[in-house]
PDB file of N, CA and C in Angstrom:
ATOM      1  N   UNK A   1       0.849  -1.167   0.000  1.00  0.00           N
ATOM      2  CA  UNK A   1       0.000   0.000   0.000  1.00  0.00           C
ATOM      3  C   UNK A   1       0.901   1.238   0.000  1.00  0.00           C
ATOM      4  N   UNK A   2       0.808   2.089  -1.043  1.00  0.00           N
ATOM      5  CA  UNK A   2       1.649   3.273  -1.171  1.00  0.00           C
ATOM      6  C   UNK A   2       1.014   4.499  -0.547  1.00  0.00           C
ATOM      7  N   UNK A   3       1.813   5.513  -0.380  1.00  0.00           N
ATOM      8  CA  UNK A   3       1.317   6.784   0.147  1.00  0.00           C
ATOM      9  C   UNK A   3       0.457   7.475  -0.889  1.00  0.00           C
ATOM     10  N   UNK A   4      -0.580   8.151  -0.439  1.00  0.00           N
ATOM     11  CA  UNK A   4      -1.408   8.937  -1.348  1.00  0.00           C
ATOM     12  C   UNK A   4      -0.658  10.216  -1.691  1.00  0.00           C
ATOM     13  N   UNK A   5      -0.705  10.605  -2.971  1.00  0.00           N
ATOM     14  CA  UNK A   5      -0.031  11.829  -3.414  1.00  0.00           C
ATOM     15  C   UNK A   5      -0.746  13.037  -2.832  1.00  0.00           C
ATOM     16  N   UNK A   6      -0.029  13.843  -2.033  1.00  0.00           N
ATOM     17  CA  UNK A   6      -0.633  15.018  -1.398  1.00  0.00           C
ATOM     18  C   UNK A   6      -0.920  16.122  -2.403  1.00  0.00           C
ATOM     19  N   UNK A   7      -0.165  16.158  -3.484  1.00  0.00           N
ATOM     20  CA  UNK A   7      -0.309  17.214  -4.475  1.00  0.00           C
ATOM     21  C   UNK A   7      -0.763  16.593  -5.790  1.00  0.00           C
ATOM     22  N   UNK A   8      -2.060  16.362  -5.896  1.00  0.00           N
ATOM     23  CA  UNK A   8      -2.622  15.650  -7.038  1.00  0.00           C
ATOM     24  C   UNK A   8      -2.315  16.370  -8.348  1.00  0.00           C
ATOM     25  N   UNK A   9      -1.809  15.613  -9.298  1.00  0.00           N
ATOM     26  CA  UNK A   9      -1.509  16.138 -10.627  1.00  0.00           C
ATOM     27  C   UNK A   9      -2.817  16.337 -11.392  1.00  0.00           C
ATOM     28  N   UNK A  10      -2.936  17.400 -12.197  1.00  0.00           N
ATOM     29  CA  UNK A  10      -4.168  17.639 -12.964  1.00  0.00           C
ATOM     30  C   UNK A  10      -4.529  16.453 -13.851  1.00  0.00           C
ATOM     31  N   UNK A  11      -5.821  16.241 -14.035  1.00  0.00           N
ATOM     32  CA  UNK A  11      -6.309  15.104 -14.807  1.00  0.00           C
ATOM     33  C   UNK A  11      -6.138  15.267 -16.316  1.00  0.00           C
ATOM     34  N   UNK A  12      -6.137  16.519 -16.800  1.00  0.00           N
ATOM     35  CA  UNK A  12      -6.072  16.710 -18.247  1.00  0.00           C
ATOM     36  C   UNK A  12      -4.785  17.429 -18.645  1.00  0.00           C
ATOM     37  N   UNK A  13      -4.416  17.269 -19.897  1.00  0.00           N
ATOM     38  CA  UNK A  13      -3.228  17.937 -20.412  1.00  0.00           C
ATOM     39  C   UNK A  13      -1.973  17.101 -20.235  1.00  0.00           C
ATOM     40  N   UNK A  14      -0.913  17.602 -20.810  1.00  0.00           N
ATOM     41  CA  UNK A  14       0.383  16.942 -20.770  1.00  0.00           C
ATOM     42  C   UNK A  14       1.173  17.407 -19.546  1.00  0.00           C
ATOM     43  N   UNK A  15       2.185  16.644 -19.177  1.00  0.00           N
ATOM     44  CA  UNK A  15       3.041  17.052 -18.061  1.00  0.00           C
ATOM     45  C   UNK A  15       3.782  18.345 -18.389  1.00  0.00           C
ATOM     46  N   UNK A  16       3.887  18.685 -19.666  1.00  0.00           N
ATOM     47  CA  UNK A  16       4.568  19.909 -20.084  1.00  0.00           C
ATOM     48  C   UNK A  16       3.671  21.140 -19.991  1.00  0.00           C
ATOM     49  N   UNK A  17       2.384  20.949 -19.718  1.00  0.00           N
ATOM     50  CA  UNK A  17       1.442  22.072 -19.621  1.00  0.00           C
ATOM     51  C   UNK A  17       1.415  22.694 -18.235  1.00  0.00           C
ATOM     52  N   UNK A  18       2.080  22.074 -17.265  1.00  0.00           N
ATOM     53  CA  UNK A  18       1.961  22.514 -15.881  1.00  0.00           C
ATOM     54  C   UNK A  18       3.316  22.707 -15.206  1.00  0.00           C
ATOM     55  N   UNK A  19       3.323  23.555 -14.199  1.00  0.00           N
ATOM     56  CA  UNK A  19       4.470  23.710 -13.317  1.00  0.00           C
ATOM     57  C   UNK A  19       3.967  23.595 -11.885  1.00  0.00           C
ATOM     58  N   UNK A  20       4.855  23.218 -10.988  1.00  0.00           N
ATOM     59  CA  UNK A  20       4.474  23.108  -9.588  1.00  0.00           C
ATOM     60  C   UNK A  20       4.887  24.385  -8.878  1.00  0.00           C
ATOM     61  N   UNK A  21       3.937  25.098  -8.315  1.00  0.00           N
ATOM     62  CA  UNK A  21       4.206  26.343  -7.597  1.00  0.00           C
ATOM     63  C   UNK A  21       4.410  25.975  -6.134  1.00  0.00           C
ATOM     64  N   UNK A  22       5.635  26.114  -5.664  1.00  0.00           N
ATOM     65  CA  UNK A  22       5.994  25.618  -4.341  1.00  0.00           C
ATOM     66  C   UNK A  22       5.312  26.365  -3.203  1.00  0.00           C
ATOM     67  N   UNK A  23       5.154  27.690  -3.329  1.00  0.00           N
ATOM     68  CA  UNK A  23       4.567  28.427  -2.200  1.00  0.00           C
ATOM     69  C   UNK A  23       3.106  28.072  -1.957  1.00  0.00           C
ATOM     70  N   UNK A  24       2.353  27.791  -3.036  1.00  0.00           N
ATOM     71  CA  UNK A  24       0.942  27.429  -2.857  1.00  0.00           C
ATOM     72  C   UNK A  24       0.716  25.917  -2.917  1.00  0.00           C
ATOM     73  N   UNK A  25       1.784  25.161  -3.221  1.00  0.00           N
ATOM     74  CA  UNK A  25       1.725  23.694  -3.288  1.00  0.00           C
ATOM     75  C   UNK A  25       0.647  23.196  -4.249  1.00  0.00           C
ATOM     76  N   UNK A  26       0.679  23.770  -5.476  1.00  0.00           N
ATOM     77  CA  UNK A  26      -0.309  23.340  -6.463  1.00  0.00           C
ATOM     78  C   UNK A  26       0.300  23.335  -7.860  1.00  0.00           C
ATOM     79  N   UNK A  27      -0.318  22.538  -8.739  1.00  0.00           N
ATOM     80  CA  UNK A  27       0.073  22.486 -10.133  1.00  0.00           C
ATOM     81  C   UNK A  27      -0.676  23.588 -10.861  1.00  0.00           C
ATOM     82  N   UNK A  28       0.050  24.406 -11.621  1.00  0.00           N
ATOM     83  CA  UNK A  28      -0.575  25.498 -12.357  1.00  0.00           C
ATOM     84  C   UNK A  28      -0.206  25.422 -13.830  1.00  0.00           C
ATOM     85  N   UNK A  29      -1.179  25.783 -14.661  1.00  0.00           N
ATOM     86  CA  UNK A  29      -0.947  25.867 -16.090  1.00  0.00           C
ATOM     87  C   UNK A  29       0.036  26.997 -16.346  1.00  0.00           C
ATOM     88  N   UNK A  30       0.955  26.818 -17.293  1.00  0.00           N
ATOM     89  CA  UNK A  30       1.979  27.820 -17.561  1.00  0.00           C
ATOM     90  C   UNK A  30       1.403  29.197 -17.868  1.00  0.00           C
ATOM     91  N   UNK A  31       0.223  29.245 -18.410  1.00  0.00           N
ATOM     92  CA  UNK A  31      -0.346  30.544 -18.793  1.00  0.00           C
ATOM     93  C   UNK A  31      -0.640  31.430 -17.589  1.00  0.00           C
ATOM     94  N   UNK A  32      -0.622  30.908 -16.357  1.00  0.00           N
ATOM     95  CA  UNK A  32      -0.851  31.754 -15.188  1.00  0.00           C
ATOM     96  C   UNK A  32       0.267  32.784 -15.033  1.00  0.00           C
ATOM     97  N   UNK A  33       1.466  32.498 -15.583  1.00  0.00           N
ATOM     98  CA  UNK A  33       2.570  33.445 -15.501  1.00  0.00           C
ATOM     99  C   UNK A  33       2.328  34.679 -16.367  1.00  0.00           C
ATOM    100  N   UNK A  34       1.516  34.539 -17.402  1.00  0.00           N
ATOM    101  CA  UNK A  34       1.231  35.647 -18.298  1.00  0.00           C
ATOM    102  C   UNK A  34       0.013  36.392 -17.770  1.00  0.00           C
ATOM    103  N   UNK A  35       0.247  37.423 -16.966  1.00  0.00           N
ATOM    104  CA  UNK A  35      -0.848  38.113 -16.284  1.00  0.00           C
ATOM    105  C   UNK A  35      -1.440  39.265 -17.080  1.00  0.00           C
ATOM    106  N   UNK A  36      -0.757  39.696 -18.136  1.00  0.00           N
ATOM    107  CA  UNK A  36      -1.295  40.805 -18.928  1.00  0.00           C
ATOM    108  C   UNK A  36      -2.067  40.259 -20.119  1.00  0.00           C
ATOM    109  N   UNK A  37      -3.189  40.893 -20.437  1.00  0.00           N
ATOM    110  CA  UNK A  37      -3.948  40.443 -21.611  1.00  0.00           C
ATOM    111  C   UNK A  37      -3.116  40.641 -22.881  1.00  0.00           C
ATOM    112  N   UNK A  38      -3.234  39.716 -23.801  1.00  0.00           N
ATOM    113  CA  UNK A  38      -2.443  39.797 -25.024  1.00  0.00           C
ATOM    114  C   UNK A  38      -3.056  40.803 -25.985  1.00  0.00           C
ATOM    115  N   UNK A  39      -2.217  41.715 -26.442  1.00  0.00           N
ATOM    116  CA  UNK A  39      -2.598  42.685 -27.470  1.00  0.00           C
ATOM    117  C   UNK A  39      -1.359  42.988 -28.289  1.00  0.00           C
ATOM    118  N   UNK A  40      -1.529  43.108 -29.583  1.00  0.00           N
ATOM    119  CA  UNK A  40      -0.399  43.399 -30.457  1.00  0.00           C
ATOM    120  C   UNK A  40      -0.164  44.900 -30.488  1.00  0.00           C
ATOM    121  N   UNK A  41       1.051  45.305 -30.127  1.00  0.00           N
ATOM    122  CA  UNK A  41       1.443  46.707 -30.181  1.00  0.00           C
ATOM    123  C   UNK A  41       1.617  47.077 -31.645  1.00  0.00           C
ATOM    124  N   UNK A  42       0.836  48.029 -32.127  1.00  0.00           N
ATOM    125  CA  UNK A  42       0.843  48.401 -33.539  1.00  0.00           C
ATOM    126  C   UNK A  42       2.167  49.032 -33.975  1.00  0.00           C
ATOM    127  N   UNK A  43       2.994  49.475 -33.023  1.00  0.00           N
ATOM    128  CA  UNK A  43       4.279  50.098 -33.357  1.00  0.00           C
ATOM    129  C   UNK A  43       5.371  49.068 -33.634  1.00  0.00           C
ATOM    130  N   UNK A  44       5.154  47.829 -33.234  1.00  0.00           N
ATOM    131  CA  UNK A  44       6.176  46.798 -33.415  1.00  0.00           C
ATOM    132  C   UNK A  44       6.224  46.310 -34.857  1.00  0.00           C
ATOM    133  N   UNK A  45       7.434  45.949 -35.281  1.00  0.00           N
ATOM    134  CA  UNK A  45       7.585  45.289 -36.577  1.00  0.00           C
ATOM    135  C   UNK A  45       7.056  43.866 -36.440  1.00  0.00           C
ATOM    136  N   UNK A  46       6.676  43.279 -37.553  1.00  0.00           N
ATOM    137  CA  UNK A  46       6.106  41.935 -37.530  1.00  0.00           C
ATOM    138  C   UNK A  46       7.034  40.946 -36.815  1.00  0.00           C
ATOM    139  N   UNK A  47       8.339  41.037 -37.078  1.00  0.00           N
ATOM    140  CA  UNK A  47       9.309  40.105 -36.491  1.00  0.00           C
ATOM    141  C   UNK A  47       9.504  40.318 -34.992  1.00  0.00           C
ATOM    142  N   UNK A  48       9.005  41.414 -34.436  1.00  0.00           N
ATOM    143  CA  UNK A  48       9.167  41.704 -33.006  1.00  0.00           C
ATOM    144  C   UNK A  48       7.963  41.278 -32.174  1.00  0.00           C
ATOM    145  N   UNK A  49       6.902  40.826 -32.813  1.00  0.00           N
ATOM    146  CA  UNK A  49       5.684  40.438 -32.103  1.00  0.00           C
ATOM    147  C   UNK A  49       5.911  39.093 -31.417  1.00  0.00           C
ATOM    148  N   UNK A  50       5.629  39.045 -30.134  1.00  0.00           N
ATOM    149  CA  UNK A  50       5.756  37.802 -29.372  1.00  0.00           C
ATOM    150  C   UNK A  50       4.365  37.378 -28.911  1.00  0.00           C
ATOM    151  N   UNK A  51       3.924  36.245 -29.397  1.00  0.00           N
ATOM    152  CA  UNK A  51       2.648  35.692 -28.980  1.00  0.00           C
ATOM    153  C   UNK A  51       2.918  34.753 -27.809  1.00  0.00           C
ATOM    154  N   UNK A  52       2.340  35.043 -26.629  1.00  0.00           N
ATOM    155  CA  UNK A  52       2.614  34.183 -25.465  1.00  0.00           C
ATOM    156  C   UNK A  52       1.940  32.818 -25.602  1.00  0.00           C
ATOM    157  N   UNK A  53       2.747  31.809 -25.859  1.00  0.00           N
ATOM    158  CA  UNK A  53       2.256  30.429 -25.964  1.00  0.00           C
ATOM    159  C   UNK A  53       2.793  29.646 -24.767  1.00  0.00           C
ATOM    160  N   UNK A  54       2.324  28.417 -24.603  1.00  0.00           N
ATOM    161  CA  UNK A  54       2.879  27.559 -23.553  1.00  0.00           C
ATOM    162  C   UNK A  54       4.404  27.534 -23.674  1.00  0.00           C
ATOM    163  N   UNK A  55       4.891  27.341 -24.898  1.00  0.00           N
ATOM    164  CA  UNK A  55       6.326  27.204 -25.115  1.00  0.00           C
ATOM    165  C   UNK A  55       7.088  28.474 -24.763  1.00  0.00           C
ATOM    166  N   UNK A  56       6.649  29.616 -25.269  1.00  0.00           N
ATOM    167  CA  UNK A  56       7.401  30.851 -25.008  1.00  0.00           C
ATOM    168  C   UNK A  56       7.381  31.208 -23.523  1.00  0.00           C
ATOM    169  N   UNK A  57       6.270  30.984 -22.855  1.00  0.00           N
ATOM    170  CA  UNK A  57       6.168  31.264 -21.417  1.00  0.00           C
ATOM    171  C   UNK A  57       7.082  30.333 -20.629  1.00  0.00           C
ATOM    172  N   UNK A  58       7.045  29.055 -20.983  1.00  0.00           N
ATOM    173  CA  UNK A  58       7.884  28.043 -20.319  1.00  0.00           C
ATOM    174  C   UNK A  58       9.364  28.351 -20.501  1.00  0.00           C
ATOM    175  N   UNK A  59       9.769  28.613 -21.743  1.00  0.00           N
ATOM    176  CA  UNK A  59      11.177  28.868 -22.035  1.00  0.00           C
ATOM    177  C   UNK A  59      11.677  30.118 -21.322  1.00  0.00           C
ATOM    178  N   UNK A  60      10.870  31.179 -21.304  1.00  0.00           N
ATOM    179  CA  UNK A  60      11.271  32.401 -20.600  1.00  0.00           C
ATOM    180  C   UNK A  60      11.446  32.129 -19.105  1.00  0.00           C
ATOM    181  N   UNK A  61      10.545  31.369 -18.529  1.00  0.00           N
ATOM    182  CA  UNK A  61      10.619  31.041 -17.107  1.00  0.00           C
ATOM    183  C   UNK A  61      11.918  30.307 -16.787  1.00  0.00           C
ATOM    184  N   UNK A  62      12.228  29.290 -17.584  1.00  0.00           N
ATOM    185  CA  UNK A  62      13.428  28.496 -17.345  1.00  0.00           C
ATOM    186  C   UNK A  62      14.681  29.350 -17.550  1.00  0.00           C
ATOM    187  N   UNK A  63      14.715  30.150 -18.624  1.00  0.00           N
ATOM    188  CA  UNK A  63      15.872  31.015 -18.874  1.00  0.00           C
ATOM    189  C   UNK A  63      16.065  32.013 -17.734  1.00  0.00           C
ATOM    190  N   UNK A  64      14.984  32.616 -17.284  1.00  0.00           N
ATOM    191  CA  UNK A  64      15.075  33.598 -16.202  1.00  0.00           C
ATOM    192  C   UNK A  64      15.597  32.942 -14.921  1.00  0.00           C
ATOM    193  N   UNK A  65      15.090  31.758 -14.596  1.00  0.00           N
ATOM    194  CA  UNK A  65      15.531  31.052 -13.401  1.00  0.00           C
ATOM    195  C   UNK A  65      17.018  30.709 -13.489  1.00  0.00           C
ATOM    196  N   UNK A  66      17.470  30.248 -14.650  1.00  0.00           N
ATOM    197  CA  UNK A  66      18.880  29.924 -14.827  1.00  0.00           C
ATOM    198  C   UNK A  66      19.753  31.171 -14.689  1.00  0.00           C
ATOM    199  N   UNK A  67      19.361  32.265 -15.344  1.00  0.00           N
ATOM    200  CA  UNK A  67      20.149  33.496 -15.279  1.00  0.00           C
ATOM    201  C   UNK A  67      20.209  34.062 -13.869  1.00  0.00           C
ATOM    202  N   UNK A  68      19.088  34.052 -13.167  1.00  0.00           N
ATOM    203  CA  UNK A  68      19.069  34.580 -11.794  1.00  0.00           C
ATOM    204  C   UNK A  68      19.912  33.741 -10.842  1.00  0.00           C
ATOM    205  N   UNK A  69      20.154  32.483 -11.222  1.00  0.00           N
ATOM    206  CA  UNK A  69      21.000  31.602 -10.417  1.00  0.00           C
ATOM    207  C   UNK A  69      22.405  31.481 -10.994  1.00  0.00           C
ATOM    208  N   UNK A  70      22.764  32.456 -11.837  1.00  0.00           N
ATOM    209  CA  UNK A  70      24.117  32.588 -12.392  1.00  0.00           C
ATOM    210  C   UNK A  70      24.552  31.366 -13.202  1.00  0.00           C
ATOM    211  N   UNK A  71      23.631  30.804 -13.961  1.00  0.00           N
ATOM    212  CA  UNK A  71      23.941  29.676 -14.837  1.00  0.00           C
ATOM    213  C   UNK A  71      23.982  30.151 -16.286  1.00  0.00           C
ATOM    214  N   UNK A  72      24.777  29.484 -17.105  1.00  0.00           N
ATOM    215  CA  UNK A  72      24.864  29.807 -18.522  1.00  0.00           C
ATOM    216  C   UNK A  72      23.632  29.270 -19.245  1.00  0.00           C
ATOM    217  N   UNK A  73      23.219  29.976 -20.303  1.00  0.00           N
ATOM    218  CA  UNK A  73      22.047  29.565 -21.067  1.00  0.00           C
ATOM    219  C   UNK A  73      22.405  29.535 -22.542  1.00  0.00           C
ATOM    220  N   UNK A  74      22.091  28.448 -23.207  1.00  0.00           N
ATOM    221  CA  UNK A  74      22.271  28.325 -24.643  1.00  0.00           C
ATOM    222  C   UNK A  74      20.898  28.090 -25.247  1.00  0.00           C
ATOM    223  N   UNK A  75      20.575  28.806 -26.303  1.00  0.00           N
ATOM    224  CA  UNK A  75      19.245  28.726 -26.915  1.00  0.00           C
ATOM    225  C   UNK A  75      19.356  28.231 -28.354  1.00  0.00           C
ATOM    226  N   UNK A  76      19.544  26.944 -28.546  1.00  0.00           N
ATOM    227  CA  UNK A  76      19.651  26.421 -29.910  1.00  0.00           C
ATOM    228  C   UNK A  76      18.275  26.214 -30.530  1.00  0.00           C
ATOM    229  N   UNK A  77      18.247  26.120 -31.840  1.00  0.00           N
ATOM    230  CA  UNK A  77      17.003  25.820 -32.516  1.00  0.00           C
ATOM    231  C   UNK A  77      17.019  26.310 -33.945  1.00  0.00           C
ATOM    232  N   UNK A  78      16.028  25.890 -34.715  1.00  0.00           N
ATOM    233  CA  UNK A  78      15.961  26.277 -36.127  1.00  0.00           C
ATOM    234  C   UNK A  78      15.785  27.784 -36.312  1.00  0.00           C
ATOM    235  N   UNK A  79      16.214  28.272 -37.454  1.00  0.00           N
ATOM    236  CA  UNK A  79      16.066  29.675 -37.817  1.00  0.00           C
ATOM    237  C   UNK A  79      14.586  30.051 -37.871  1.00  0.00           C
ATOM    238  N   UNK A  80      14.272  31.239 -37.364  1.00  0.00           N
ATOM    239  CA  UNK A  80      12.913  31.767 -37.475  1.00  0.00           C
ATOM    240  C   UNK A  80      11.939  31.294 -36.417  1.00  0.00           C
ATOM    241  N   UNK A  81      12.423  30.724 -35.314  1.00  0.00           N
ATOM    242  CA  UNK A  81      11.514  30.217 -34.290  1.00  0.00           C
ATOM    243  C   UNK A  81      11.321  31.178 -33.128  1.00  0.00           C
ATOM    244  N   UNK A  82      11.933  32.371 -33.196  1.00  0.00           N
ATOM    245  CA  UNK A  82      11.715  33.384 -32.169  1.00  0.00           C
ATOM    246  C   UNK A  82      12.709  33.394 -31.033  1.00  0.00           C
ATOM    247  N   UNK A  83      13.823  32.700 -31.186  1.00  0.00           N
ATOM    248  CA  UNK A  83      14.803  32.642 -30.098  1.00  0.00           C
ATOM    249  C   UNK A  83      15.321  34.028 -29.739  1.00  0.00           C
ATOM    250  N   UNK A  84      15.761  34.786 -30.724  1.00  0.00           N
ATOM    251  CA  UNK A  84      16.339  36.110 -30.483  1.00  0.00           C
ATOM    252  C   UNK A  84      15.321  37.065 -29.905  1.00  0.00           C
ATOM    253  N   UNK A  85      14.115  37.066 -30.450  1.00  0.00           N
ATOM    254  CA  UNK A  85      13.068  37.974 -29.973  1.00  0.00           C
ATOM    255  C   UNK A  85      12.688  37.641 -28.534  1.00  0.00           C
ATOM    256  N   UNK A  86      12.560  36.360 -28.214  1.00  0.00           N
ATOM    257  CA  UNK A  86      12.182  35.962 -26.857  1.00  0.00           C
ATOM    258  C   UNK A  86      13.262  36.280 -25.837  1.00  0.00           C
ATOM    259  N   UNK A  87      14.521  35.986 -26.159  1.00  0.00           N
ATOM    260  CA  UNK A  87      15.578  36.257 -25.191  1.00  0.00           C
ATOM    261  C   UNK A  87      15.793  37.763 -25.044  1.00  0.00           C
ATOM    262  N   UNK A  88      15.646  38.520 -26.134  1.00  0.00           N
ATOM    263  CA  UNK A  88      15.767  39.985 -26.048  1.00  0.00           C
ATOM    264  C   UNK A  88      14.674  40.566 -25.169  1.00  0.00           C
ATOM    265  N   UNK A  89      13.473  40.078 -25.324  1.00  0.00           N
ATOM    266  CA  UNK A  89      12.353  40.529 -24.491  1.00  0.00           C
ATOM    267  C   UNK A  89      12.628  40.232 -23.019  1.00  0.00           C
ATOM    268  N   UNK A  90      13.104  39.042 -22.751  1.00  0.00           N
ATOM    269  CA  UNK A  90      13.418  38.663 -21.369  1.00  0.00           C
ATOM    270  C   UNK A  90      14.504  39.561 -20.788  1.00  0.00           C
ATOM    271  N   UNK A  91      15.605  39.714 -21.506  1.00  0.00           N
ATOM    272  CA  UNK A  91      16.738  40.478 -20.989  1.00  0.00           C
ATOM    273  C   UNK A  91      16.440  41.967 -20.847  1.00  0.00           C
ATOM    274  N   UNK A  92      15.690  42.521 -21.780  1.00  0.00           N
ATOM    275  CA  UNK A  92      15.454  43.966 -21.779  1.00  0.00           C
ATOM    276  C   UNK A  92      14.244  44.409 -20.965  1.00  0.00           C
ATOM    277  N   UNK A  93      13.313  43.506 -20.690  1.00  0.00           N
ATOM    278  CA  UNK A  93      12.074  43.930 -20.036  1.00  0.00           C
ATOM    279  C   UNK A  93      11.749  43.199 -18.735  1.00  0.00           C
ATOM    280  N   UNK A  94      12.256  42.004 -18.546  1.00  0.00           N
ATOM    281  CA  UNK A  94      11.775  41.196 -17.428  1.00  0.00           C
ATOM    282  C   UNK A  94      12.828  40.832 -16.373  1.00  0.00           C
ATOM    283  N   UNK A  95      14.083  41.126 -16.652  1.00  0.00           N
ATOM    284  CA  UNK A  95      15.131  40.780 -15.701  1.00  0.00           C
ATOM    285  C   UNK A  95      15.340  41.926 -14.712  1.00  0.00           C
ATOM    286  N   UNK A  96      15.819  41.619 -13.495  1.00  0.00           N
ATOM    287  CA  UNK A  96      16.128  42.664 -12.517  1.00  0.00           C
ATOM    288  C   UNK A  96      17.182  43.636 -13.064  1.00  0.00           C
ATOM    289  N   UNK A  97      17.258  44.817 -12.469  1.00  0.00           N
ATOM    290  CA  UNK A  97      18.144  45.873 -12.961  1.00  0.00           C
ATOM    291  C   UNK A  97      19.625  45.509 -12.947  1.00  0.00           C
ATOM    292  N   UNK A  98      20.047  44.597 -12.080  1.00  0.00           N
ATOM    293  CA  UNK A  98      21.470  44.256 -12.022  1.00  0.00           C
ATOM    294  C   UNK A  98      21.946  43.471 -13.244  1.00  0.00           C
ATOM    295  N   UNK A  99      21.025  43.082 -14.109  1.00  0.00           N
ATOM    296  CA  UNK A  99      21.374  42.376 -15.338  1.00  0.00           C
ATOM    297  C   UNK A  99      21.402  43.368 -16.495  1.00  0.00           C
ATOM    298  N   UNK A 100      22.428  43.270 -17.310  1.00  0.00           N
ATOM    299  CA  UNK A 100      22.472  44.081 -18.521  1.00  0.00           C
ATOM    300  C   UNK A 100      22.836  43.174 -19.687  1.00  0.00           C
ATOM    301  N   UNK A 101      22.299  43.478 -20.844  1.00  0.00           N
ATOM    302  CA  UNK A 101      22.495  42.629 -22.018  1.00  0.00           C
ATOM    303  C   UNK A 101      23.549  43.229 -22.936  1.00  0.00           C
ATOM    304  N   UNK A 102      24.420  42.383 -23.431  1.00  0.00           N
ATOM    305  CA  UNK A 102      25.377  42.755 -24.470  1.00  0.00           C
ATOM    306  C   UNK A 102      25.147  41.758 -25.613  1.00  0.00           C
ATOM    307  N   UNK A 103      24.318  42.123 -26.582  1.00  0.00           N
ATOM    308  CA  UNK A 103      23.965  41.168 -27.637  1.00  0.00           C
ATOM    309  C   UNK A 103      25.117  40.915 -28.604  1.00  0.00           C
ATOM    310  N   UNK A 104      25.337  39.665 -28.923  1.00  0.00           N
ATOM    311  CA  UNK A 104      26.283  39.235 -29.946  1.00  0.00           C
ATOM    312  C   UNK A 104      25.501  38.307 -30.859  1.00  0.00           C
ATOM    313  N   UNK A 105      25.340  38.670 -32.105  1.00  0.00           N
ATOM    314  CA  UNK A 105      24.523  37.887 -33.021  1.00  0.00           C
ATOM    315  C   UNK A 105      25.370  36.935 -33.853  1.00  0.00           C
ATOM    316  N   UNK A 106      24.914  35.701 -33.969  1.00  0.00           N
ATOM    317  CA  UNK A 106      25.501  34.723 -34.856  1.00  0.00           C
ATOM    318  C   UNK A 106      24.400  34.308 -35.824  1.00  0.00           C
ATOM    319  N   UNK A 107      24.716  34.171 -37.068  1.00  0.00           N
ATOM    320  CA  UNK A 107      23.686  33.828 -38.031  1.00  0.00           C
ATOM    321  C   UNK A 107      24.276  32.944 -39.125  1.00  0.00           C
ATOM    322  N   UNK A 108      23.437  32.065 -39.642  1.00  0.00           N
ATOM    323  CA  UNK A 108      23.859  31.231 -40.761  1.00  0.00           C
ATOM    324  C   UNK A 108      23.971  32.097 -41.986  1.00  0.00           C
TER     325      UNK A 108
END
């Protein structure tokens, strides 16, 4: 007879759709991190528009946690998937003031 899980995992969705919030001891959908309603800023160029998806929210969270804990971050992936736009948004808008960005671009 095993122990009953005190923190029941949600019944629907994939394990990648949720994170465990330690202070409230509950599983939350990644979209809870995105507290502002989504609207496209008409001043942005098309390539600068970031649509908050499960993936972009998740990746930003992990990158921010790694950077705040002084860990190196590498963002590999195919061309045109939003890596540069997402990391620029994180570094320029969401990181504490003690962080500053020095962009170095590599391109195929």
